[in-house]
N, C-alpha and C. Protein backbone atom coordinates (compact mmCIF):
# COMPACT_ATOMS: atom_id res chain seq x y z
N MET A 1 -0.83 54.29 -3.40
CA MET A 1 -0.69 53.03 -4.06
C MET A 1 -0.08 53.23 -5.44
N GLU A 2 -0.46 54.29 -6.10
CA GLU A 2 0.10 54.57 -7.43
C GLU A 2 1.61 54.73 -7.36
N GLU A 3 2.09 55.39 -6.29
CA GLU A 3 3.53 55.57 -6.11
C GLU A 3 4.24 54.22 -5.99
N HIS A 4 3.69 53.31 -5.19
CA HIS A 4 4.29 51.98 -5.03
C HIS A 4 4.31 51.23 -6.36
N PHE A 5 3.23 51.33 -7.10
CA PHE A 5 3.14 50.65 -8.39
C PHE A 5 4.20 51.17 -9.35
N LYS A 6 4.36 52.49 -9.41
CA LYS A 6 5.37 53.09 -10.30
C LYS A 6 6.78 52.68 -9.89
N GLU A 7 7.07 52.74 -8.60
CA GLU A 7 8.40 52.39 -8.11
C GLU A 7 8.71 50.92 -8.40
N HIS A 8 7.71 50.09 -8.31
CA HIS A 8 7.89 48.67 -8.60
C HIS A 8 8.17 48.47 -10.09
N CYS A 9 7.38 49.11 -10.93
CA CYS A 9 7.51 48.92 -12.38
C CYS A 9 8.77 49.55 -12.96
N ASN A 10 9.32 50.56 -12.31
CA ASN A 10 10.52 51.18 -12.87
C ASN A 10 11.81 50.61 -12.30
N GLY A 11 11.70 49.53 -11.52
CA GLY A 11 12.90 48.85 -11.03
C GLY A 11 13.51 49.44 -9.78
N ALA A 12 12.85 50.43 -9.17
CA ALA A 12 13.39 51.02 -7.94
C ALA A 12 13.21 50.08 -6.76
N TYR A 13 12.11 49.33 -6.73
CA TYR A 13 11.88 48.35 -5.67
C TYR A 13 12.52 47.03 -6.06
N HIS A 14 12.79 46.21 -5.06
CA HIS A 14 13.35 44.89 -5.36
C HIS A 14 12.28 44.03 -6.05
N LEU A 15 12.73 43.07 -6.80
CA LEU A 15 11.82 42.16 -7.50
C LEU A 15 12.09 40.73 -7.03
N SER A 16 11.04 40.02 -6.75
CA SER A 16 11.15 38.62 -6.38
C SER A 16 10.71 37.76 -7.55
N ASP A 17 11.24 36.56 -7.61
CA ASP A 17 10.86 35.62 -8.66
C ASP A 17 9.38 35.28 -8.52
N PRO A 18 8.57 35.51 -9.57
CA PRO A 18 7.13 35.27 -9.48
C PRO A 18 6.77 33.83 -9.13
N GLU A 19 7.48 32.87 -9.68
CA GLU A 19 7.18 31.46 -9.40
C GLU A 19 7.44 31.13 -7.94
N GLN A 20 8.51 31.68 -7.38
CA GLN A 20 8.81 31.45 -5.97
C GLN A 20 7.74 32.09 -5.07
N LEU A 21 7.28 33.29 -5.45
CA LEU A 21 6.23 33.95 -4.66
C LEU A 21 4.96 33.12 -4.64
N LYS A 22 4.62 32.51 -5.77
CA LYS A 22 3.42 31.67 -5.83
C LYS A 22 3.52 30.50 -4.86
N ASN A 23 4.74 30.10 -4.55
CA ASN A 23 4.97 29.00 -3.60
C ASN A 23 5.24 29.50 -2.19
N GLY A 24 5.03 30.80 -1.95
CA GLY A 24 5.21 31.35 -0.61
C GLY A 24 6.64 31.59 -0.22
N LYS A 25 7.53 31.73 -1.20
CA LYS A 25 8.95 31.94 -0.92
C LYS A 25 9.42 33.20 -1.65
N ARG A 26 10.42 33.84 -1.05
CA ARG A 26 11.02 35.01 -1.69
C ARG A 26 12.38 34.64 -2.24
N TYR A 27 12.58 34.94 -3.50
CA TYR A 27 13.90 34.79 -4.11
C TYR A 27 14.14 36.07 -4.90
N CYS A 28 15.04 36.90 -4.42
CA CYS A 28 15.29 38.21 -5.02
C CYS A 28 16.04 38.06 -6.35
N ILE A 29 15.45 38.61 -7.41
CA ILE A 29 16.12 38.61 -8.71
C ILE A 29 16.67 40.00 -9.05
N TRP A 30 16.24 41.00 -8.31
CA TRP A 30 16.69 42.38 -8.53
C TRP A 30 16.55 43.14 -7.22
N PRO A 31 17.64 43.69 -6.66
CA PRO A 31 17.55 44.36 -5.36
C PRO A 31 16.97 45.77 -5.40
N GLY A 32 16.85 46.36 -6.56
CA GLY A 32 16.31 47.71 -6.66
C GLY A 32 17.30 48.76 -6.22
N SER A 33 16.86 50.01 -6.20
CA SER A 33 17.77 51.11 -5.88
C SER A 33 17.67 51.55 -4.42
N TYR A 34 16.77 50.96 -3.64
CA TYR A 34 16.64 51.32 -2.23
C TYR A 34 17.29 50.31 -1.30
N TYR A 35 17.75 49.21 -1.84
CA TYR A 35 18.34 48.14 -1.04
C TYR A 35 19.61 48.66 -0.37
N ARG A 36 19.82 48.33 0.89
CA ARG A 36 20.96 48.88 1.63
C ARG A 36 22.30 48.39 1.10
N THR A 37 22.36 47.13 0.73
CA THR A 37 23.58 46.58 0.15
C THR A 37 23.28 46.17 -1.28
N ASN A 38 24.27 46.22 -2.12
CA ASN A 38 24.11 45.85 -3.53
C ASN A 38 23.06 46.71 -4.23
N ARG A 39 23.02 47.98 -3.88
CA ARG A 39 22.06 48.93 -4.45
C ARG A 39 22.34 49.11 -5.94
N LYS A 40 21.29 49.10 -6.75
CA LYS A 40 21.43 49.24 -8.19
C LYS A 40 21.19 50.68 -8.63
N THR A 41 21.85 51.05 -9.73
CA THR A 41 21.74 52.40 -10.28
C THR A 41 20.87 52.35 -11.54
N PRO A 42 20.44 53.52 -12.03
CA PRO A 42 19.70 53.52 -13.30
C PRO A 42 20.49 52.88 -14.45
N ALA A 43 21.81 53.04 -14.45
CA ALA A 43 22.62 52.40 -15.50
C ALA A 43 22.53 50.88 -15.41
N ASN A 44 22.53 50.34 -14.18
CA ASN A 44 22.34 48.89 -14.00
C ASN A 44 20.99 48.45 -14.54
N LEU A 45 19.98 49.25 -14.28
CA LEU A 45 18.63 48.92 -14.75
C LEU A 45 18.58 48.89 -16.28
N VAL A 46 19.20 49.86 -16.91
CA VAL A 46 19.22 49.89 -18.38
C VAL A 46 19.87 48.62 -18.93
N ASP A 47 20.94 48.17 -18.28
CA ASP A 47 21.63 46.95 -18.72
C ASP A 47 20.75 45.71 -18.61
N HIS A 48 19.81 45.70 -17.67
CA HIS A 48 19.00 44.50 -17.42
C HIS A 48 17.52 44.68 -17.71
N CYS A 49 17.12 45.82 -18.26
CA CYS A 49 15.70 46.15 -18.34
C CYS A 49 14.87 45.15 -19.14
N TRP A 50 15.42 44.60 -20.22
CA TRP A 50 14.61 43.69 -21.04
C TRP A 50 14.33 42.40 -20.31
N ASN A 51 15.29 41.87 -19.58
CA ASN A 51 15.05 40.66 -18.80
C ASN A 51 14.11 40.94 -17.62
N LEU A 52 14.33 42.07 -16.95
CA LEU A 52 13.50 42.40 -15.79
C LEU A 52 12.06 42.71 -16.18
N ALA A 53 11.87 43.26 -17.37
CA ALA A 53 10.52 43.60 -17.83
C ALA A 53 9.61 42.37 -17.82
N LEU A 54 10.14 41.23 -18.21
CA LEU A 54 9.33 40.00 -18.22
C LEU A 54 8.90 39.62 -16.81
N TYR A 55 9.82 39.75 -15.85
CA TYR A 55 9.47 39.46 -14.45
C TYR A 55 8.46 40.47 -13.92
N ILE A 56 8.67 41.74 -14.23
CA ILE A 56 7.76 42.79 -13.76
C ILE A 56 6.36 42.55 -14.28
N ILE A 57 6.24 42.22 -15.56
CA ILE A 57 4.92 41.95 -16.15
C ILE A 57 4.26 40.78 -15.44
N GLU A 58 5.01 39.70 -15.21
CA GLU A 58 4.44 38.53 -14.54
C GLU A 58 4.03 38.86 -13.11
N LEU A 59 4.86 39.63 -12.40
CA LEU A 59 4.52 40.02 -11.03
C LEU A 59 3.26 40.88 -10.99
N VAL A 60 3.21 41.89 -11.85
CA VAL A 60 2.08 42.81 -11.86
C VAL A 60 0.79 42.07 -12.22
N ASN A 61 0.87 41.13 -13.13
CA ASN A 61 -0.32 40.36 -13.49
C ASN A 61 -0.81 39.48 -12.35
N GLY A 62 0.05 39.17 -11.41
CA GLY A 62 -0.35 38.36 -10.26
C GLY A 62 -0.87 39.16 -9.08
N TYR A 63 -0.69 40.47 -9.09
CA TYR A 63 -1.13 41.31 -7.98
C TYR A 63 -2.63 41.59 -8.07
N ARG A 64 -3.22 41.78 -6.92
CA ARG A 64 -4.60 42.22 -6.83
C ARG A 64 -4.64 43.42 -5.89
N PHE A 65 -5.12 44.52 -6.40
CA PHE A 65 -5.21 45.74 -5.62
C PHE A 65 -6.66 45.99 -5.25
N TYR A 66 -6.89 46.32 -3.99
CA TYR A 66 -8.23 46.63 -3.52
C TYR A 66 -8.22 48.07 -3.02
N GLN A 67 -9.14 48.85 -3.53
CA GLN A 67 -9.18 50.26 -3.16
C GLN A 67 -10.56 50.63 -2.64
N ALA A 68 -10.56 51.61 -1.76
CA ALA A 68 -11.80 52.19 -1.26
C ALA A 68 -11.64 53.70 -1.30
N PRO A 69 -12.69 54.42 -1.63
CA PRO A 69 -12.58 55.89 -1.67
C PRO A 69 -12.35 56.44 -0.26
N LEU A 70 -11.39 57.33 -0.15
CA LEU A 70 -11.05 57.92 1.14
C LEU A 70 -10.34 59.24 0.91
N SER A 71 -10.79 60.27 1.58
CA SER A 71 -10.11 61.56 1.55
C SER A 71 -9.45 61.76 2.90
N ALA A 72 -8.13 61.89 2.88
CA ALA A 72 -7.39 62.06 4.14
C ALA A 72 -6.03 62.66 3.83
N THR A 73 -5.34 63.05 4.89
CA THR A 73 -3.98 63.58 4.73
C THR A 73 -3.02 62.42 4.46
N ASN A 74 -1.83 62.75 3.97
CA ASN A 74 -0.82 61.72 3.74
C ASN A 74 -0.50 60.97 5.02
N ARG A 75 -0.46 61.67 6.14
CA ARG A 75 -0.14 61.02 7.42
C ARG A 75 -1.20 59.99 7.79
N ILE A 76 -2.46 60.29 7.52
CA ILE A 76 -3.52 59.32 7.81
C ILE A 76 -3.35 58.09 6.91
N PHE A 77 -3.03 58.31 5.64
CA PHE A 77 -2.78 57.17 4.74
C PHE A 77 -1.61 56.33 5.25
N GLU A 78 -0.56 56.98 5.73
CA GLU A 78 0.59 56.26 6.28
C GLU A 78 0.18 55.44 7.51
N ARG A 79 -0.65 56.02 8.34
CA ARG A 79 -1.08 55.30 9.55
C ARG A 79 -1.96 54.10 9.21
N ILE A 80 -2.78 54.25 8.18
CA ILE A 80 -3.60 53.11 7.73
C ILE A 80 -2.69 52.01 7.20
N GLU A 81 -1.72 52.39 6.37
CA GLU A 81 -0.77 51.41 5.84
C GLU A 81 -0.01 50.72 6.97
N ALA A 82 0.39 51.50 7.97
CA ALA A 82 1.12 50.93 9.11
C ALA A 82 0.22 49.98 9.91
N ALA A 83 -1.05 50.32 10.07
CA ALA A 83 -1.97 49.44 10.80
C ALA A 83 -2.14 48.11 10.06
N LEU A 84 -2.28 48.17 8.75
CA LEU A 84 -2.38 46.94 7.96
C LEU A 84 -1.10 46.12 8.07
N ALA A 85 0.05 46.80 7.94
CA ALA A 85 1.33 46.10 8.03
C ALA A 85 1.50 45.47 9.42
N SER A 86 1.14 46.20 10.47
CA SER A 86 1.26 45.69 11.83
C SER A 86 0.41 44.44 12.01
N HIS A 87 -0.79 44.48 11.49
CA HIS A 87 -1.68 43.31 11.59
C HIS A 87 -1.06 42.11 10.88
N LEU A 88 -0.52 42.32 9.69
CA LEU A 88 0.09 41.21 8.94
C LEU A 88 1.34 40.69 9.63
N TYR A 89 2.19 41.60 10.15
CA TYR A 89 3.40 41.18 10.87
C TYR A 89 3.07 40.26 12.05
N ASN A 90 1.95 40.53 12.70
CA ASN A 90 1.59 39.79 13.91
C ASN A 90 0.84 38.50 13.65
N GLN A 91 0.71 38.12 12.40
CA GLN A 91 0.05 36.85 12.08
C GLN A 91 1.01 35.69 12.31
N PRO A 92 0.48 34.53 12.67
CA PRO A 92 1.36 33.39 12.94
C PRO A 92 1.94 32.79 11.67
N TRP A 93 2.98 32.05 11.86
CA TRP A 93 3.64 31.23 10.85
C TRP A 93 4.05 32.03 9.62
N GLN A 94 3.78 31.48 8.49
CA GLN A 94 4.32 32.01 7.25
C GLN A 94 3.78 33.40 6.90
N VAL A 95 2.55 33.70 7.26
CA VAL A 95 1.98 35.00 6.90
C VAL A 95 2.79 36.13 7.53
N GLY A 96 3.03 36.07 8.82
CA GLY A 96 3.79 37.11 9.50
C GLY A 96 5.23 37.18 9.04
N ALA A 97 5.84 36.03 8.83
CA ALA A 97 7.25 35.98 8.43
C ALA A 97 7.45 36.42 6.99
N PHE A 98 6.41 36.38 6.19
CA PHE A 98 6.52 36.69 4.76
C PHE A 98 6.52 38.19 4.47
N GLN A 99 6.10 39.00 5.42
CA GLN A 99 5.95 40.44 5.18
C GLN A 99 7.31 41.12 5.02
N GLU A 100 7.31 42.20 4.24
CA GLU A 100 8.52 42.98 4.01
C GLU A 100 9.00 43.59 5.32
N GLU A 101 10.30 43.63 5.51
CA GLU A 101 10.87 44.26 6.70
C GLU A 101 10.92 45.77 6.51
N GLY A 102 10.80 46.50 7.59
CA GLY A 102 11.03 47.93 7.56
C GLY A 102 9.83 48.80 7.27
N ILE A 103 8.67 48.22 6.96
CA ILE A 103 7.52 49.05 6.63
C ILE A 103 7.11 49.90 7.82
N LEU A 104 7.03 49.30 8.99
CA LEU A 104 6.61 50.07 10.16
C LEU A 104 7.63 51.12 10.55
N LYS A 105 8.92 50.82 10.40
CA LYS A 105 9.95 51.82 10.71
C LYS A 105 9.82 53.02 9.80
N ARG A 106 9.58 52.77 8.52
CA ARG A 106 9.45 53.85 7.55
C ARG A 106 8.23 54.70 7.86
N LEU A 107 7.17 54.09 8.32
CA LEU A 107 5.92 54.80 8.52
C LEU A 107 5.80 55.49 9.87
N SER A 108 6.64 55.10 10.81
CA SER A 108 6.56 55.67 12.15
C SER A 108 7.58 56.80 12.29
N ARG A 109 7.13 57.96 12.67
CA ARG A 109 8.05 59.09 12.83
C ARG A 109 8.69 59.11 14.21
N HIS A 110 8.15 58.34 15.14
CA HIS A 110 8.67 58.33 16.51
C HIS A 110 9.28 56.99 16.89
N GLY A 111 9.37 56.07 15.97
CA GLY A 111 9.97 54.78 16.28
C GLY A 111 9.02 53.74 16.81
N SER A 112 7.76 54.12 17.05
CA SER A 112 6.78 53.12 17.45
C SER A 112 5.45 53.44 16.79
N PHE A 113 4.86 52.43 16.20
CA PHE A 113 3.61 52.61 15.48
C PHE A 113 2.51 53.08 16.42
N GLY A 114 1.70 54.00 15.94
CA GLY A 114 0.53 54.41 16.67
C GLY A 114 0.73 55.62 17.56
N GLN A 115 1.95 56.07 17.72
CA GLN A 115 2.19 57.24 18.56
C GLN A 115 1.69 58.49 17.82
N PRO A 116 1.02 59.40 18.50
CA PRO A 116 0.52 60.60 17.83
C PRO A 116 1.63 61.44 17.24
N VAL A 117 1.31 62.10 16.16
CA VAL A 117 2.29 62.97 15.49
C VAL A 117 1.92 64.41 15.74
């Protein structure tokens, strides 16, 4: 979770407009450096960092993180994350449609969630 938080705060992840998120909509204000098209570089981030900082602060203040103590391998953590993502993807209506694309692909080493590694 710390890794995701850092990547989000340093502009590597895409940023959505906080007001739109509160209304259940995504409006991308920054594609980040992992986006397949229109990928941003560190130089782009430097050019926009002061404006983006305000959005990042507002987004972070709206997040709620829930943690539980757990000792496990990285693969087990990935499988837990994939199980949560799979559950959310399979929810009806707006909940399922609102989830980020590609989480399960990234977490699955064999192309299908839940297959043994």
